[in-house]
Amino acid sequence: MKRVAYIAAVAMLATLAAGIAAYANYDEWFILPKARKLVADKLNDPLSAQFRNDRLIAENWHCGEVNGKNAMGGYVGFRRFISGRINKEVYLERTGMVGEETTAEVLLLADKVIARMKAQNEMKARDPDFKYPNESDADRYDRARGEVFEDHWKAICEAKSIS
C-alpha cells in the first residue's frame, strides 16, 4: 500500500512539475514557433531562417532579427523584423512591408516622400545653389520604406516586451 501511495505521489509531483514548466515556457514553446514561421514563410528559403533577439511585444507583435538565404543560396545577414501575429503583417528592415502593401502603408510612404521633397524645395528656396539629389522614384520610395520601418520599430519594438 505504501508503494502505491509513493508511486502516486511521485506521478502527481511529476505532472505538477511538467505543468509548471509548460506554463513558465508557454510563449517560447508554443507562441514563438508560430510567430517565427509567419516571418520565415516570407523569406526566399523559409527553412534557412535563423532568428536572434526575438521577443513578443504586447499581445500582437513579434520583433527581432532574422537571417535567411537569398536566391543565390547565400545568407544575407541579420535584418530586423516586425511581425503582427494577429494581422499577419510582416515588415523587414530595408524592405518594408512584405507582400501586398496596405492602403495605410502606401499613404505613409507617400507622406514620407512628399515631406522629403517639400524639405528639398525649402532648401532650394533658401539657397539657390542647392542641388537636388539625383535619385529616382524607386530610390525615394526605398528611403521612405526605411523611414517608415524605423517609425514602426520605435513605436512597437522599443516598447516593453512581455517575454
N, C-alpha and C. Protein backbone atom coordinates (compact mmCIF):
# COMPACT_ATOMS: atom_id res chain seq x y z
N MET A 1 0.82 -1.19 0.00
CA MET A 1 0.00 0.00 0.00
C MET A 1 0.87 1.26 0.00
N LYS A 2 1.96 1.22 0.80
CA LYS A 2 2.86 2.38 0.83
C LYS A 2 3.48 2.60 -0.54
N ARG A 3 3.79 1.51 -1.19
CA ARG A 3 4.43 1.62 -2.51
C ARG A 3 3.50 2.30 -3.51
N VAL A 4 2.23 1.94 -3.51
CA VAL A 4 1.25 2.54 -4.42
C VAL A 4 1.09 4.03 -4.11
N ALA A 5 1.05 4.38 -2.83
CA ALA A 5 0.93 5.79 -2.44
C ALA A 5 2.17 6.56 -2.86
N TYR A 6 3.34 5.95 -2.71
CA TYR A 6 4.60 6.59 -3.11
C TYR A 6 4.63 6.82 -4.62
N ILE A 7 4.24 5.82 -5.40
CA ILE A 7 4.22 5.95 -6.86
C ILE A 7 3.20 7.02 -7.28
N ALA A 8 2.06 7.06 -6.64
CA ALA A 8 1.03 8.06 -6.95
C ALA A 8 1.54 9.47 -6.62
N ALA A 9 2.24 9.61 -5.50
CA ALA A 9 2.78 10.93 -5.12
C ALA A 9 3.84 11.38 -6.11
N VAL A 10 4.72 10.47 -6.52
CA VAL A 10 5.76 10.81 -7.49
C VAL A 10 5.13 11.19 -8.83
N ALA A 11 4.13 10.45 -9.26
CA ALA A 11 3.46 10.75 -10.53
C ALA A 11 2.77 12.12 -10.45
N MET A 12 2.16 12.41 -9.30
CA MET A 12 1.48 13.69 -9.14
C MET A 12 2.50 14.84 -9.15
N LEU A 13 3.63 14.66 -8.49
CA LEU A 13 4.66 15.70 -8.49
C LEU A 13 5.25 15.90 -9.89
N ALA A 14 5.44 14.82 -10.63
CA ALA A 14 5.97 14.93 -11.99
C ALA A 14 4.99 15.67 -12.89
N THR A 15 3.71 15.38 -12.74
CA THR A 15 2.68 16.07 -13.53
C THR A 15 2.63 17.55 -13.16
N LEU A 16 2.73 17.84 -11.89
CA LEU A 16 2.74 19.23 -11.43
C LEU A 16 3.96 19.98 -11.97
N ALA A 17 5.12 19.33 -11.93
CA ALA A 17 6.35 19.96 -12.44
C ALA A 17 6.24 20.21 -13.94
N ALA A 18 5.68 19.25 -14.67
CA ALA A 18 5.51 19.43 -16.12
C ALA A 18 4.54 20.58 -16.41
N GLY A 19 3.48 20.69 -15.63
CA GLY A 19 2.53 21.79 -15.81
C GLY A 19 3.16 23.14 -15.53
N ILE A 20 3.96 23.22 -14.49
CA ILE A 20 4.65 24.48 -14.16
C ILE A 20 5.64 24.84 -15.26
N ALA A 21 6.38 23.84 -15.75
CA ALA A 21 7.35 24.10 -16.83
C ALA A 21 6.63 24.58 -18.10
N ALA A 22 5.51 23.95 -18.43
CA ALA A 22 4.76 24.36 -19.62
C ALA A 22 4.21 25.78 -19.45
N TYR A 23 3.74 26.10 -18.26
CA TYR A 23 3.22 27.45 -18.01
C TYR A 23 4.34 28.48 -18.10
N ALA A 24 5.48 28.18 -17.51
CA ALA A 24 6.60 29.13 -17.49
C ALA A 24 7.20 29.34 -18.88
N ASN A 25 7.15 28.33 -19.72
CA ASN A 25 7.77 28.41 -21.05
C ASN A 25 6.74 28.43 -22.18
N TYR A 26 5.50 28.78 -21.87
CA TYR A 26 4.43 28.71 -22.86
C TYR A 26 4.75 29.51 -24.12
N ASP A 27 5.16 30.77 -23.93
CA ASP A 27 5.47 31.61 -25.10
C ASP A 27 6.59 31.01 -25.93
N GLU A 28 7.65 30.57 -25.28
CA GLU A 28 8.80 30.04 -26.01
C GLU A 28 8.48 28.73 -26.73
N TRP A 29 7.66 27.90 -26.12
CA TRP A 29 7.36 26.60 -26.70
C TRP A 29 6.22 26.62 -27.71
N PHE A 30 5.26 27.49 -27.52
CA PHE A 30 4.05 27.44 -28.35
C PHE A 30 3.83 28.68 -29.22
N ILE A 31 4.05 29.87 -28.68
CA ILE A 31 3.77 31.10 -29.41
C ILE A 31 4.90 31.47 -30.36
N LEU A 32 6.15 31.48 -29.86
CA LEU A 32 7.28 31.90 -30.70
C LEU A 32 7.45 31.04 -31.97
N PRO A 33 7.32 29.72 -31.91
CA PRO A 33 7.46 28.95 -33.16
C PRO A 33 6.45 29.36 -34.24
N LYS A 34 5.21 29.64 -33.84
CA LYS A 34 4.21 30.08 -34.82
C LYS A 34 4.54 31.47 -35.35
N ALA A 35 4.99 32.35 -34.46
CA ALA A 35 5.35 33.71 -34.89
C ALA A 35 6.57 33.67 -35.81
N ARG A 36 7.55 32.81 -35.50
CA ARG A 36 8.73 32.68 -36.35
C ARG A 36 8.36 32.13 -37.73
N LYS A 37 7.43 31.19 -37.76
CA LYS A 37 7.01 30.61 -39.04
C LYS A 37 6.38 31.67 -39.94
N LEU A 38 5.61 32.58 -39.36
CA LEU A 38 5.00 33.67 -40.14
C LEU A 38 6.07 34.49 -40.84
N VAL A 39 7.16 34.80 -40.14
CA VAL A 39 8.26 35.58 -40.73
C VAL A 39 9.03 34.72 -41.73
N ALA A 40 9.36 33.50 -41.36
CA ALA A 40 10.16 32.63 -42.23
C ALA A 40 9.45 32.37 -43.56
N ASP A 41 8.13 32.25 -43.53
CA ASP A 41 7.38 31.99 -44.76
C ASP A 41 7.49 33.13 -45.77
N LYS A 42 7.89 34.31 -45.33
CA LYS A 42 8.05 35.45 -46.24
C LYS A 42 9.44 35.51 -46.87
N LEU A 43 10.36 34.65 -46.44
CA LEU A 43 11.72 34.65 -46.97
C LEU A 43 11.82 33.76 -48.21
N ASN A 44 12.91 33.94 -48.98
CA ASN A 44 13.12 33.11 -50.17
C ASN A 44 13.21 31.63 -49.81
N ASP A 45 13.92 31.31 -48.74
CA ASP A 45 14.10 29.93 -48.30
C ASP A 45 13.67 29.85 -46.83
N PRO A 46 12.40 29.55 -46.57
CA PRO A 46 11.90 29.57 -45.19
C PRO A 46 12.66 28.64 -44.24
N LEU A 47 13.16 27.52 -44.75
CA LEU A 47 13.85 26.57 -43.89
C LEU A 47 15.22 27.08 -43.44
N SER A 48 15.75 28.08 -44.12
CA SER A 48 17.07 28.60 -43.77
C SER A 48 17.00 29.72 -42.73
N ALA A 49 15.81 30.10 -42.30
CA ALA A 49 15.66 31.24 -41.38
C ALA A 49 16.37 30.99 -40.06
N GLN A 50 17.15 31.99 -39.66
CA GLN A 50 17.82 31.98 -38.37
C GLN A 50 17.33 33.21 -37.60
N PHE A 51 16.94 33.02 -36.35
CA PHE A 51 16.40 34.11 -35.55
C PHE A 51 17.32 34.40 -34.37
N ARG A 52 17.36 35.67 -34.00
CA ARG A 52 18.06 36.05 -32.77
C ARG A 52 17.38 37.31 -32.21
N ASN A 53 17.53 37.46 -30.90
CA ASN A 53 16.97 38.62 -30.20
C ASN A 53 15.48 38.82 -30.45
N ASP A 54 14.75 37.74 -30.71
CA ASP A 54 13.32 37.93 -30.95
C ASP A 54 12.55 37.86 -29.65
N ARG A 55 11.48 38.62 -29.61
CA ARG A 55 10.67 38.74 -28.41
C ARG A 55 9.24 39.09 -28.80
N LEU A 56 8.34 38.81 -27.88
CA LEU A 56 6.94 39.13 -28.08
C LEU A 56 6.65 40.48 -27.43
N ILE A 57 5.91 41.31 -28.14
CA ILE A 57 5.54 42.64 -27.65
C ILE A 57 4.02 42.69 -27.58
N ALA A 58 3.50 43.07 -26.42
CA ALA A 58 2.06 43.14 -26.18
C ALA A 58 1.42 41.81 -26.56
N GLU A 59 0.21 41.85 -27.08
CA GLU A 59 -0.44 40.58 -27.46
C GLU A 59 -0.25 40.26 -28.93
N ASN A 60 0.11 41.25 -29.73
CA ASN A 60 0.07 41.06 -31.17
C ASN A 60 1.42 41.02 -31.85
N TRP A 61 2.46 41.65 -31.33
CA TRP A 61 3.66 41.88 -32.11
C TRP A 61 4.82 40.97 -31.72
N HIS A 62 5.62 40.66 -32.72
CA HIS A 62 6.83 39.84 -32.57
C HIS A 62 7.95 40.61 -33.25
N CYS A 63 8.99 40.94 -32.51
CA CYS A 63 10.10 41.73 -33.05
C CYS A 63 11.41 40.98 -32.85
N GLY A 64 12.37 41.23 -33.71
CA GLY A 64 13.68 40.61 -33.57
C GLY A 64 14.50 40.78 -34.82
N GLU A 65 15.44 39.84 -35.01
CA GLU A 65 16.31 39.85 -36.17
C GLU A 65 16.23 38.48 -36.85
N VAL A 66 16.27 38.48 -38.17
CA VAL A 66 16.20 37.24 -38.93
C VAL A 66 17.26 37.27 -40.03
N ASN A 67 17.81 36.10 -40.30
CA ASN A 67 18.78 35.93 -41.38
C ASN A 67 18.25 34.81 -42.26
N GLY A 68 18.32 34.99 -43.55
CA GLY A 68 17.85 33.97 -44.47
C GLY A 68 18.69 33.97 -45.73
N LYS A 69 18.50 32.95 -46.53
CA LYS A 69 19.26 32.84 -47.78
C LYS A 69 18.60 33.63 -48.90
N ASN A 70 19.43 34.17 -49.78
CA ASN A 70 18.92 34.87 -50.96
C ASN A 70 18.75 33.86 -52.10
N ALA A 71 18.42 34.34 -53.27
CA ALA A 71 18.18 33.46 -54.42
C ALA A 71 19.43 32.69 -54.84
N MET A 72 20.61 33.24 -54.51
CA MET A 72 21.87 32.57 -54.87
C MET A 72 22.29 31.53 -53.84
N GLY A 73 21.57 31.43 -52.73
CA GLY A 73 21.87 30.43 -51.71
C GLY A 73 22.77 30.92 -50.59
N GLY A 74 23.13 32.19 -50.60
CA GLY A 74 23.98 32.74 -49.55
C GLY A 74 23.16 33.50 -48.53
N TYR A 75 23.62 33.48 -47.29
CA TYR A 75 22.93 34.24 -46.25
C TYR A 75 23.16 35.73 -46.47
N VAL A 76 22.14 36.53 -46.22
CA VAL A 76 22.19 37.97 -46.50
C VAL A 76 22.56 38.80 -45.27
N GLY A 77 22.60 38.21 -44.11
CA GLY A 77 22.89 38.95 -42.89
C GLY A 77 21.61 39.23 -42.11
N PHE A 78 21.77 39.40 -40.83
CA PHE A 78 20.60 39.62 -39.97
C PHE A 78 19.98 40.99 -40.24
N ARG A 79 18.65 40.97 -40.35
CA ARG A 79 17.86 42.20 -40.52
C ARG A 79 16.77 42.20 -39.46
N ARG A 80 16.45 43.38 -38.98
CA ARG A 80 15.37 43.48 -38.01
C ARG A 80 14.03 43.21 -38.70
N PHE A 81 13.09 42.67 -37.93
CA PHE A 81 11.75 42.43 -38.46
C PHE A 81 10.72 42.77 -37.40
N ILE A 82 9.52 43.04 -37.89
CA ILE A 82 8.35 43.24 -37.04
C ILE A 82 7.25 42.40 -37.68
N SER A 83 6.59 41.59 -36.88
CA SER A 83 5.50 40.80 -37.44
C SER A 83 4.29 40.87 -36.53
N GLY A 84 3.13 41.03 -37.14
CA GLY A 84 1.88 41.05 -36.41
C GLY A 84 1.30 39.66 -36.35
N ARG A 85 1.16 39.12 -35.16
CA ARG A 85 0.68 37.74 -35.05
C ARG A 85 -0.81 37.65 -35.34
N ILE A 86 -1.55 38.74 -35.17
CA ILE A 86 -2.99 38.71 -35.44
C ILE A 86 -3.28 39.19 -36.85
N ASN A 87 -2.70 40.34 -37.24
CA ASN A 87 -2.99 40.89 -38.57
C ASN A 87 -2.11 40.29 -39.67
N LYS A 88 -1.13 39.47 -39.29
CA LYS A 88 -0.25 38.74 -40.23
C LYS A 88 0.61 39.66 -41.10
N GLU A 89 0.83 40.90 -40.67
CA GLU A 89 1.71 41.80 -41.40
C GLU A 89 3.16 41.52 -41.00
N VAL A 90 4.06 41.55 -41.98
CA VAL A 90 5.49 41.36 -41.71
C VAL A 90 6.24 42.51 -42.34
N TYR A 91 7.10 43.15 -41.55
CA TYR A 91 7.96 44.23 -42.02
C TYR A 91 9.40 43.78 -41.87
N LEU A 92 10.20 43.97 -42.91
CA LEU A 92 11.63 43.67 -42.85
C LEU A 92 12.42 44.95 -43.05
N GLU A 93 13.49 45.08 -42.28
CA GLU A 93 14.37 46.24 -42.42
C GLU A 93 14.90 46.29 -43.85
N ARG A 94 14.97 47.46 -44.42
CA ARG A 94 15.43 47.73 -45.79
C ARG A 94 14.48 47.18 -46.85
N THR A 95 13.34 46.64 -46.44
CA THR A 95 12.36 46.13 -47.41
C THR A 95 11.00 46.77 -47.20
N GLY A 96 10.63 46.98 -45.96
CA GLY A 96 9.31 47.49 -45.64
C GLY A 96 8.33 46.35 -45.47
N MET A 97 7.07 46.62 -45.74
CA MET A 97 6.05 45.60 -45.60
C MET A 97 6.25 44.54 -46.67
N VAL A 98 6.27 43.28 -46.25
CA VAL A 98 6.47 42.17 -47.18
C VAL A 98 5.10 41.74 -47.68
N GLY A 99 5.01 41.50 -48.97
CA GLY A 99 3.73 41.14 -49.56
C GLY A 99 3.04 42.38 -50.08
N GLU A 100 1.75 42.30 -50.24
CA GLU A 100 0.99 43.42 -50.77
C GLU A 100 0.84 44.51 -49.71
N GLU A 101 1.25 45.72 -50.05
CA GLU A 101 1.17 46.82 -49.09
C GLU A 101 -0.27 47.27 -48.92
N THR A 102 -0.62 47.57 -47.69
CA THR A 102 -1.97 48.07 -47.40
C THR A 102 -2.08 49.52 -47.84
N THR A 103 -3.30 49.99 -47.95
CA THR A 103 -3.52 51.39 -48.32
C THR A 103 -2.88 52.32 -47.29
N ALA A 104 -3.01 51.98 -46.02
CA ALA A 104 -2.41 52.81 -44.97
C ALA A 104 -0.90 52.87 -45.13
N GLU A 105 -0.28 51.76 -45.48
CA GLU A 105 1.18 51.73 -45.66
C GLU A 105 1.59 52.58 -46.86
N VAL A 106 0.85 52.50 -47.94
CA VAL A 106 1.15 53.31 -49.13
C VAL A 106 1.03 54.79 -48.80
N LEU A 107 0.02 55.16 -48.01
CA LEU A 107 -0.14 56.56 -47.62
C LEU A 107 1.01 57.03 -46.73
N LEU A 108 1.48 56.16 -45.83
CA LEU A 108 2.64 56.52 -45.01
C LEU A 108 3.87 56.76 -45.87
N LEU A 109 4.07 55.89 -46.86
CA LEU A 109 5.22 56.04 -47.77
C LEU A 109 5.11 57.35 -48.55
N ALA A 110 3.92 57.62 -49.08
CA ALA A 110 3.72 58.85 -49.85
C ALA A 110 3.96 60.08 -48.98
N ASP A 111 3.51 60.04 -47.73
CA ASP A 111 3.74 61.17 -46.82
C ASP A 111 5.23 61.41 -46.61
N LYS A 112 6.00 60.34 -46.46
CA LYS A 112 7.45 60.47 -46.26
C LYS A 112 8.11 61.07 -47.50
N VAL A 113 7.71 60.59 -48.68
CA VAL A 113 8.30 61.10 -49.93
C VAL A 113 7.95 62.58 -50.10
N ILE A 114 6.69 62.93 -49.87
CA ILE A 114 6.26 64.33 -50.02
C ILE A 114 6.98 65.23 -49.02
N ALA A 115 7.11 64.77 -47.77
CA ALA A 115 7.80 65.58 -46.76
C ALA A 115 9.25 65.83 -47.16
N ARG A 116 9.92 64.82 -47.69
CA ARG A 116 11.31 64.98 -48.12
C ARG A 116 11.40 65.96 -49.30
N MET A 117 10.48 65.84 -50.25
CA MET A 117 10.50 66.74 -51.40
C MET A 117 10.20 68.18 -50.98
N LYS A 118 9.28 68.37 -50.03
CA LYS A 118 9.00 69.71 -49.52
C LYS A 118 10.24 70.30 -48.85
N ALA A 119 10.93 69.48 -48.06
CA ALA A 119 12.15 69.95 -47.39
C ALA A 119 13.20 70.36 -48.41
N GLN A 120 13.32 69.58 -49.49
CA GLN A 120 14.29 69.93 -50.53
C GLN A 120 13.90 71.23 -51.23
N ASN A 121 12.61 71.42 -51.47
CA ASN A 121 12.15 72.66 -52.10
C ASN A 121 12.41 73.87 -51.20
N GLU A 122 12.23 73.68 -49.89
CA GLU A 122 12.53 74.76 -48.96
C GLU A 122 14.02 75.09 -48.96
N MET A 123 14.86 74.06 -49.04
CA MET A 123 16.31 74.30 -49.13
C MET A 123 16.65 75.06 -50.40
N LYS A 124 16.02 74.70 -51.49
CA LYS A 124 16.26 75.37 -52.77
C LYS A 124 15.82 76.84 -52.69
N ALA A 125 14.71 77.10 -52.00
CA ALA A 125 14.22 78.48 -51.86
C ALA A 125 15.19 79.33 -51.03
N ARG A 126 15.80 78.71 -50.01
CA ARG A 126 16.75 79.44 -49.16
C ARG A 126 18.11 79.60 -49.82
N ASP A 127 18.51 78.56 -50.57
CA ASP A 127 19.85 78.56 -51.18
C ASP A 127 19.71 78.23 -52.66
N PRO A 128 19.79 79.21 -53.55
CA PRO A 128 19.62 78.96 -54.98
C PRO A 128 20.68 78.00 -55.56
N ASP A 129 21.80 77.85 -54.88
CA ASP A 129 22.85 76.94 -55.36
C ASP A 129 22.61 75.49 -54.94
N PHE A 130 21.54 75.26 -54.16
CA PHE A 130 21.24 73.90 -53.71
C PHE A 130 20.98 73.00 -54.91
N LYS A 131 21.59 71.83 -54.91
CA LYS A 131 21.39 70.85 -55.99
C LYS A 131 20.50 69.72 -55.46
N TYR A 132 19.44 69.46 -56.22
CA TYR A 132 18.57 68.34 -55.85
C TYR A 132 19.35 67.04 -55.98
N PRO A 133 19.12 66.09 -55.05
CA PRO A 133 19.81 64.80 -55.18
C PRO A 133 19.36 64.08 -56.44
N ASN A 134 20.27 63.38 -57.04
CA ASN A 134 19.97 62.61 -58.25
C ASN A 134 19.44 61.25 -57.81
N GLU A 135 18.13 61.17 -57.63
CA GLU A 135 17.53 59.90 -57.20
C GLU A 135 16.24 59.65 -57.97
N SER A 136 15.99 58.39 -58.22
CA SER A 136 14.79 58.00 -58.96
C SER A 136 13.61 57.88 -57.99
N ASP A 137 12.42 57.69 -58.55
CA ASP A 137 11.25 57.46 -57.70
C ASP A 137 11.44 56.21 -56.86
N ALA A 138 12.05 55.18 -57.45
CA ALA A 138 12.30 53.95 -56.69
C ALA A 138 13.22 54.23 -55.50
N ASP A 139 14.25 55.06 -55.71
CA ASP A 139 15.14 55.43 -54.61
C ASP A 139 14.39 56.18 -53.52
N ARG A 140 13.50 57.08 -53.93
CA ARG A 140 12.72 57.85 -52.95
C ARG A 140 11.84 56.93 -52.11
N TYR A 141 11.19 55.98 -52.78
CA TYR A 141 10.32 55.07 -52.04
C TYR A 141 11.12 54.09 -51.19
N ASP A 142 12.30 53.68 -51.64
CA ASP A 142 13.15 52.83 -50.80
C ASP A 142 13.54 53.57 -49.52
N ARG A 143 13.92 54.82 -49.67
CA ARG A 143 14.27 55.63 -48.49
C ARG A 143 13.05 55.76 -47.57
N ALA A 144 11.88 56.00 -48.16
CA ALA A 144 10.65 56.13 -47.37
C ALA A 144 10.32 54.83 -46.64
N ARG A 145 10.53 53.69 -47.31
CA ARG A 145 10.28 52.40 -46.65
C ARG A 145 11.17 52.25 -45.42
N GLY A 146 12.42 52.65 -45.55
CA GLY A 146 13.33 52.59 -44.41
C GLY A 146 12.87 53.48 -43.27
N GLU A 147 12.42 54.69 -43.60
CA GLU A 147 11.94 55.62 -42.57
C GLU A 147 10.67 55.10 -41.90
N VAL A 148 9.76 54.55 -42.69
CA VAL A 148 8.52 54.00 -42.13
C VAL A 148 8.84 52.81 -41.23
N PHE A 149 9.78 51.95 -41.66
CA PHE A 149 10.17 50.82 -40.82
C PHE A 149 10.71 51.33 -39.48
N GLU A 150 11.58 52.34 -39.53
CA GLU A 150 12.14 52.89 -38.29
C GLU A 150 11.04 53.45 -37.39
N ASP A 151 10.05 54.10 -37.98
CA ASP A 151 8.92 54.62 -37.19
C ASP A 151 8.16 53.48 -36.52
N HIS A 152 7.89 52.41 -37.29
CA HIS A 152 7.19 51.24 -36.72
C HIS A 152 8.03 50.61 -35.61
N TRP A 153 9.34 50.47 -35.85
CA TRP A 153 10.24 49.84 -34.87
C TRP A 153 10.20 50.61 -33.55
N LYS A 154 10.30 51.93 -33.65
CA LYS A 154 10.29 52.76 -32.43
C LYS A 154 8.95 52.67 -31.70
N ALA A 155 7.87 52.66 -32.46
CA ALA A 155 6.54 52.64 -31.85
C ALA A 155 6.18 51.28 -31.26
N ILE A 156 6.65 50.21 -31.88
CA ILE A 156 6.22 48.87 -31.48
C ILE A 156 7.30 48.14 -30.68
N CYS A 157 8.49 48.04 -31.24
CA CYS A 157 9.51 47.14 -30.69
C CYS A 157 10.33 47.75 -29.57
N GLU A 158 10.37 49.06 -29.48
CA GLU A 158 11.11 49.64 -28.37
C GLU A 158 10.24 49.78 -27.13
N ALA A 159 9.01 49.27 -27.23
CA ALA A 159 8.13 49.21 -26.06
C ALA A 159 8.60 48.03 -25.20
N LYS A 160 8.06 47.94 -24.01
CA LYS A 160 8.46 46.86 -23.10
C LYS A 160 7.93 45.52 -23.61
N SER A 161 8.80 44.52 -23.70
CA SER A 161 8.38 43.20 -24.17
C SER A 161 7.71 42.43 -23.05
N ILE A 162 6.88 41.45 -23.45
CA ILE A 162 6.17 40.64 -22.45
C ILE A 162 6.90 39.35 -22.14
N SER A 163 7.90 38.99 -22.92
CA SER A 163 8.58 37.73 -22.63
C SER A 163 10.00 37.96 -22.20
